[in-house]
Each structure stands twice: as structure tokens, then as C-alpha cells.
Amino acid sequence: MEKKTFSSEVFGGGDYDNVPDKAEFVISKDKAMEIIRLAGVVKANNAYKIEAFDYITDWFQGEECFDETETGGEERKPIRTDCNTLNVSDDQFWFAAYLKHTEVKFRTDRYNLKDLAKDFGLAFLEESKAVTAANEGGH
């Protein structure tokens, strides 16, 4: 598998009305390897998580995510966000962001790194959280 599309419910945001309710992102094999490598850094440093800027996630909210096109159809349009991040712990990853011009934060589901590794044919080693291509003999 070269790429996988994820669709997630959105959590957080408190009582704010304009918080997205759906997020979508695409993970490539290279991105999966990066995520699993970051999990190794978390584990090696006895940290809770690594949080890095990452803008691959589109955030959508109800009917506000549709705009009319010039041909009369509708096109999905993500809401405006800021400070989008990839979050990686030693066994999960997720994305988070703030609603543009606010302090309202929200996140995607948390995804299991073992499942991510399996989806891309990668080895996820519990002891070191290292990633290798399963068919490359550990290189």
C-alpha cells in the first residue's frame, strides 16, 4: 500500500459552535515510517509525546464545508485552522489544531501504531519502537 486515507470524528472544542466534526488526512508509506520513527524517539527519551507542526489534515464542519462551484455543483471546503500538529506517543498518533483566530483546540481519533505499521507492511518493534520494511530484512 502506498497511501491510506483516514476519516476521523473530531474531539474537543468545548461549547464553541464552529468546531469541526470531521477530519480527513492521507498517510503515505514515507509518512508512516516517519511517524513510527518519532514513536521510537518518544520511547528512547521516556517522553509522553512529540508534537510537530503538520498541515496534512483537512478539518470539516457540517454544512459549512460545502461551497458552490462555478458549474453549479458543490465542493468540500475545509474550515480554517492554525497550529496544526502531528502528535506521536510511543504507541499512538493523532492530529490536532486550533480554530483560526481562537484558542479552541480539537483533535482526531488516536490511531494505533501497530495497525499503521501493518497497513504499510512495516515492522513495529515493541522493544525499541523501530521501523523497518518487513520485506527488506530490517534495513
C-alpha atoms as a PDB file:
ATOM      1  CA  MET A   1       0.000   0.000   0.000  1.00  0.00           C
ATOM      2  CA  GLU A   2       1.399   3.378  -0.966  1.00  0.00           C
ATOM      3  CA  LYS A   3      -1.200   5.665   0.653  1.00  0.00           C
ATOM      4  CA  LYS A   4      -4.126   5.337   3.028  1.00  0.00           C
ATOM      5  CA  THR A   5      -6.928   7.857   3.574  1.00  0.00           C
ATOM      6  CA  PHE A   6      -8.219   8.296   7.122  1.00  0.00           C
ATOM      7  CA  SER A   7     -11.522   9.862   8.158  1.00  0.00           C
ATOM      8  CA  SER A   8     -11.972  10.726  11.810  1.00  0.00           C
ATOM      9  CA  GLU A   9     -14.514  12.088  14.225  1.00  0.00           C
ATOM     10  CA  VAL A  10     -13.250  15.258  15.941  1.00  0.00           C
ATOM     11  CA  PHE A  11     -12.939  15.630  19.720  1.00  0.00           C
ATOM     12  CA  GLY A  12     -12.570  18.740  21.864  1.00  0.00           C
ATOM     13  CA  GLY A  13     -13.526  22.311  21.218  1.00  0.00           C
ATOM     14  CA  GLY A  14     -15.765  22.712  24.226  1.00  0.00           C
ATOM     15  CA  ASP A  15     -19.030  24.531  23.657  1.00  0.00           C
ATOM     16  CA  TYR A  16     -17.825  26.510  20.647  1.00  0.00           C
ATOM     17  CA  ASP A  17     -20.304  26.250  17.732  1.00  0.00           C
ATOM     18  CA  ASN A  18     -17.897  26.291  14.787  1.00  0.00           C
ATOM     19  CA  VAL A  19     -15.722  23.331  15.794  1.00  0.00           C
ATOM     20  CA  PRO A  20     -15.190  20.786  13.027  1.00  0.00           C
ATOM     21  CA  ASP A  21     -16.927  17.434  13.327  1.00  0.00           C
ATOM     22  CA  LYS A  22     -14.849  15.520  10.784  1.00  0.00           C
ATOM     23  CA  ALA A  23     -11.187  15.356   9.798  1.00  0.00           C
ATOM     24  CA  GLU A  24      -9.548  13.693   6.811  1.00  0.00           C
ATOM     25  CA  PHE A  25      -5.906  13.018   6.033  1.00  0.00           C
ATOM     26  CA  VAL A  26      -3.790  10.808   3.790  1.00  0.00           C
ATOM     27  CA  ILE A  27      -0.767   8.920   5.098  1.00  0.00           C
ATOM     28  CA  SER A  28       1.910   7.727   2.674  1.00  0.00           C
ATOM     29  CA  LYS A  29       4.355   4.931   3.414  1.00  0.00           C
ATOM     30  CA  ASP A  30       7.103   7.528   3.986  1.00  0.00           C
ATOM     31  CA  LYS A  31       4.860   9.433   6.419  1.00  0.00           C
ATOM     32  CA  ALA A  32       4.047   6.169   8.232  1.00  0.00           C
ATOM     33  CA  MET A  33       7.780   5.467   8.590  1.00  0.00           C
ATOM     34  CA  GLU A  34       8.322   8.997   9.953  1.00  0.00           C
ATOM     35  CA  ILE A  35       5.513   8.572  12.499  1.00  0.00           C
ATOM     36  CA  ILE A  36       6.859   5.235  13.703  1.00  0.00           C
ATOM     37  CA  ARG A  37      10.395   6.672  13.881  1.00  0.00           C
ATOM     38  CA  LEU A  38       9.092   9.509  16.065  1.00  0.00           C
ATOM     39  CA  ALA A  39       7.493   6.916  18.348  1.00  0.00           C
ATOM     40  CA  GLY A  40      10.988   5.452  18.798  1.00  0.00           C
ATOM     41  CA  VAL A  41      12.284   8.876  19.838  1.00  0.00           C
ATOM     42  CA  VAL A  42       9.453   9.188  22.357  1.00  0.00           C
ATOM     43  CA  LYS A  43      10.224   5.754  23.810  1.00  0.00           C
ATOM     44  CA  ALA A  44      14.014   6.280  23.853  1.00  0.00           C
ATOM     45  CA  ASN A  45      13.615   9.543  25.774  1.00  0.00           C
ATOM     46  CA  ASN A  46      10.887   8.357  28.159  1.00  0.00           C
ATOM     47  CA  ALA A  47       8.682  11.186  26.873  1.00  0.00           C
ATOM     48  CA  TYR A  48       4.882  11.367  26.723  1.00  0.00           C
ATOM     49  CA  LYS A  49       4.701  12.541  23.102  1.00  0.00           C
ATOM     50  CA  ILE A  50       6.296  14.502  20.302  1.00  0.00           C
ATOM     51  CA  GLU A  51       4.205  17.275  18.775  1.00  0.00           C
ATOM     52  CA  ALA A  52       5.333  18.618  15.393  1.00  0.00           C
ATOM     53  CA  PHE A  53       3.732  21.116  13.020  1.00  0.00           C
ATOM     54  CA  ASP A  54       1.936  19.234  10.259  1.00  0.00           C
ATOM     55  CA  TYR A  55      -0.744  20.510   7.909  1.00  0.00           C
ATOM     56  CA  ILE A  56      -1.867  17.332   6.102  1.00  0.00           C
ATOM     57  CA  THR A  57      -5.248  17.198   7.863  1.00  0.00           C
ATOM     58  CA  ASP A  58      -8.378  18.815   6.438  1.00  0.00           C
ATOM     59  CA  TRP A  59     -10.999  19.739   9.042  1.00  0.00           C
ATOM     60  CA  PHE A  60     -14.697  19.930   8.102  1.00  0.00           C
ATOM     61  CA  GLN A  61     -17.757  21.196   9.952  1.00  0.00           C
ATOM     62  CA  GLY A  62     -21.312  20.271   8.958  1.00  0.00           C
ATOM     63  CA  GLU A  63     -22.848  22.117   6.039  1.00  0.00           C
ATOM     64  CA  GLU A  64     -20.176  24.812   6.226  1.00  0.00           C
ATOM     65  CA  CYS A  65     -17.742  22.530   4.415  1.00  0.00           C
ATOM     66  CA  PHE A  66     -19.598  22.836   1.080  1.00  0.00           C
ATOM     67  CA  ASP A  67     -19.145  25.704  -1.383  1.00  0.00           C
ATOM     68  CA  GLU A  68     -20.894  26.101  -4.718  1.00  0.00           C
ATOM     69  CA  THR A  69     -18.622  25.652  -7.731  1.00  0.00           C
ATOM     70  CA  GLU A  70     -18.750  27.631 -10.973  1.00  0.00           C
ATOM     71  CA  THR A  71     -20.559  24.713 -12.627  1.00  0.00           C
ATOM     72  CA  GLY A  72     -23.338  24.727 -10.020  1.00  0.00           C
ATOM     73  CA  GLY A  73     -22.105  21.718  -8.063  1.00  0.00           C
ATOM     74  CA  GLU A  74     -20.755  21.645  -4.548  1.00  0.00           C
ATOM     75  CA  GLU A  75     -17.170  21.283  -3.392  1.00  0.00           C
ATOM     76  CA  ARG A  76     -15.987  20.389   0.085  1.00  0.00           C
ATOM     77  CA  LYS A  77     -14.019  23.187   1.658  1.00  0.00           C
ATOM     78  CA  PRO A  78     -12.070  22.706   4.893  1.00  0.00           C
ATOM     79  CA  ILE A  79     -12.508  25.193   7.715  1.00  0.00           C
ATOM     80  CA  ARG A  80      -9.620  27.500   8.585  1.00  0.00           C
ATOM     81  CA  THR A  81      -7.284  26.229  11.280  1.00  0.00           C
ATOM     82  CA  ASP A  82      -3.958  27.198  12.789  1.00  0.00           C
ATOM     83  CA  CYS A  83      -1.078  25.476  14.586  1.00  0.00           C
ATOM     84  CA  ASN A  84      -1.931  22.074  13.096  1.00  0.00           C
ATOM     85  CA  THR A  85       0.157  19.320  14.659  1.00  0.00           C
ATOM     86  CA  LEU A  86       1.024  15.671  14.367  1.00  0.00           C
ATOM     87  CA  ASN A  87       1.163  14.092  17.837  1.00  0.00           C
ATOM     88  CA  VAL A  88       3.050  10.842  18.369  1.00  0.00           C
ATOM     89  CA  SER A  89       3.278   8.833  21.599  1.00  0.00           C
ATOM     90  CA  ASP A  90       5.107   5.526  21.968  1.00  0.00           C
ATOM     91  CA  ASP A  91       2.105   3.560  20.633  1.00  0.00           C
ATOM     92  CA  GLN A  92      -0.360   6.030  19.022  1.00  0.00           C
ATOM     93  CA  PHE A  93      -0.588   9.020  16.694  1.00  0.00           C
ATOM     94  CA  TRP A  94      -3.217  11.721  16.133  1.00  0.00           C
ATOM     95  CA  PHE A  95      -3.604  15.189  14.683  1.00  0.00           C
ATOM     96  CA  ALA A  96      -4.714  18.376  16.448  1.00  0.00           C
ATOM     97  CA  ALA A  97      -5.341  22.008  15.534  1.00  0.00           C
ATOM     98  CA  TYR A  98      -6.811  25.284  16.711  1.00  0.00           C
ATOM     99  CA  LEU A  99      -9.738  27.017  15.085  1.00  0.00           C
ATOM    100  CA  LYS A 100      -8.251  30.010  13.253  1.00  0.00           C
ATOM    101  CA  HIS A 101      -8.112  33.196  15.389  1.00  0.00           C
ATOM    102  CA  THR A 102      -9.229  31.391  18.566  1.00  0.00           C
ATOM    103  CA  GLU A 103      -7.854  29.338  21.437  1.00  0.00           C
ATOM    104  CA  VAL A 104     -10.243  26.483  20.619  1.00  0.00           C
ATOM    105  CA  LYS A 105      -8.294  23.223  20.257  1.00  0.00           C
ATOM    106  CA  PHE A 106      -9.534  19.896  18.857  1.00  0.00           C
ATOM    107  CA  ARG A 107      -8.076  16.573  17.711  1.00  0.00           C
ATOM    108  CA  THR A 108      -8.712  13.478  15.636  1.00  0.00           C
ATOM    109  CA  ASP A 109      -9.137   9.933  16.860  1.00  0.00           C
ATOM    110  CA  ARG A 110      -5.972   8.333  18.205  1.00  0.00           C
ATOM    111  CA  TYR A 111      -4.602   5.627  15.917  1.00  0.00           C
ATOM    112  CA  ASN A 112      -2.628   2.551  16.953  1.00  0.00           C
ATOM    113  CA  LEU A 113       0.918   2.414  15.568  1.00  0.00           C
ATOM    114  CA  LYS A 114       0.847  -1.390  15.239  1.00  0.00           C
ATOM    115  CA  ASP A 115      -2.115  -1.049  12.873  1.00  0.00           C
ATOM    116  CA  LEU A 116      -0.371   1.701  10.902  1.00  0.00           C
ATOM    117  CA  ALA A 117       2.747  -0.438  10.524  1.00  0.00           C
ATOM    118  CA  LYS A 118       0.671  -3.423   9.416  1.00  0.00           C
ATOM    119  CA  ASP A 119      -1.196  -1.314   6.808  1.00  0.00           C
ATOM    120  CA  PHE A 120       2.100  -0.419   5.123  1.00  0.00           C
ATOM    121  CA  GLY A 121       3.943  -3.725   5.586  1.00  0.00           C
ATOM    122  CA  LEU A 122       6.303  -2.245   8.157  1.00  0.00           C
ATOM    123  CA  ALA A 123       7.629  -3.885  11.296  1.00  0.00           C
ATOM    124  CA  PHE A 124       6.814  -2.153  14.566  1.00  0.00           C
ATOM    125  CA  LEU A 125       9.187  -3.446  17.224  1.00  0.00           C
ATOM    126  CA  GLU A 126       7.879  -3.157  20.777  1.00  0.00           C
ATOM    127  CA  GLU A 127      11.306  -3.132  22.410  1.00  0.00           C
ATOM    128  CA  SER A 128      12.731  -0.194  20.516  1.00  0.00           C
ATOM    129  CA  LYS A 129       9.725   1.101  18.561  1.00  0.00           C
ATOM    130  CA  ALA A 130      11.929   0.988  15.478  1.00  0.00           C
ATOM    131  CA  VAL A 131      10.554   0.698  11.974  1.00  0.00           C
ATOM    132  CA  THR A 132      11.860  -1.482   9.191  1.00  0.00           C
ATOM    133  CA  ALA A 133      10.421  -2.608   5.914  1.00  0.00           C
ATOM    134  CA  ALA A 134       9.172  -6.124   6.623  1.00  0.00           C
ATOM    135  CA  ASN A 135      10.395  -7.428   3.288  1.00  0.00           C
ATOM    136  CA  GLU A 136      13.803  -5.725   3.476  1.00  0.00           C
ATOM    137  CA  GLY A 137      15.186  -7.808   6.319  1.00  0.00           C
ATOM    138  CA  GLY A 138      15.463  -4.934   8.798  1.00  0.00           C
ATOM    139  CA  HIS A 139      17.104  -2.290   6.590  1.00  0.00           C
END
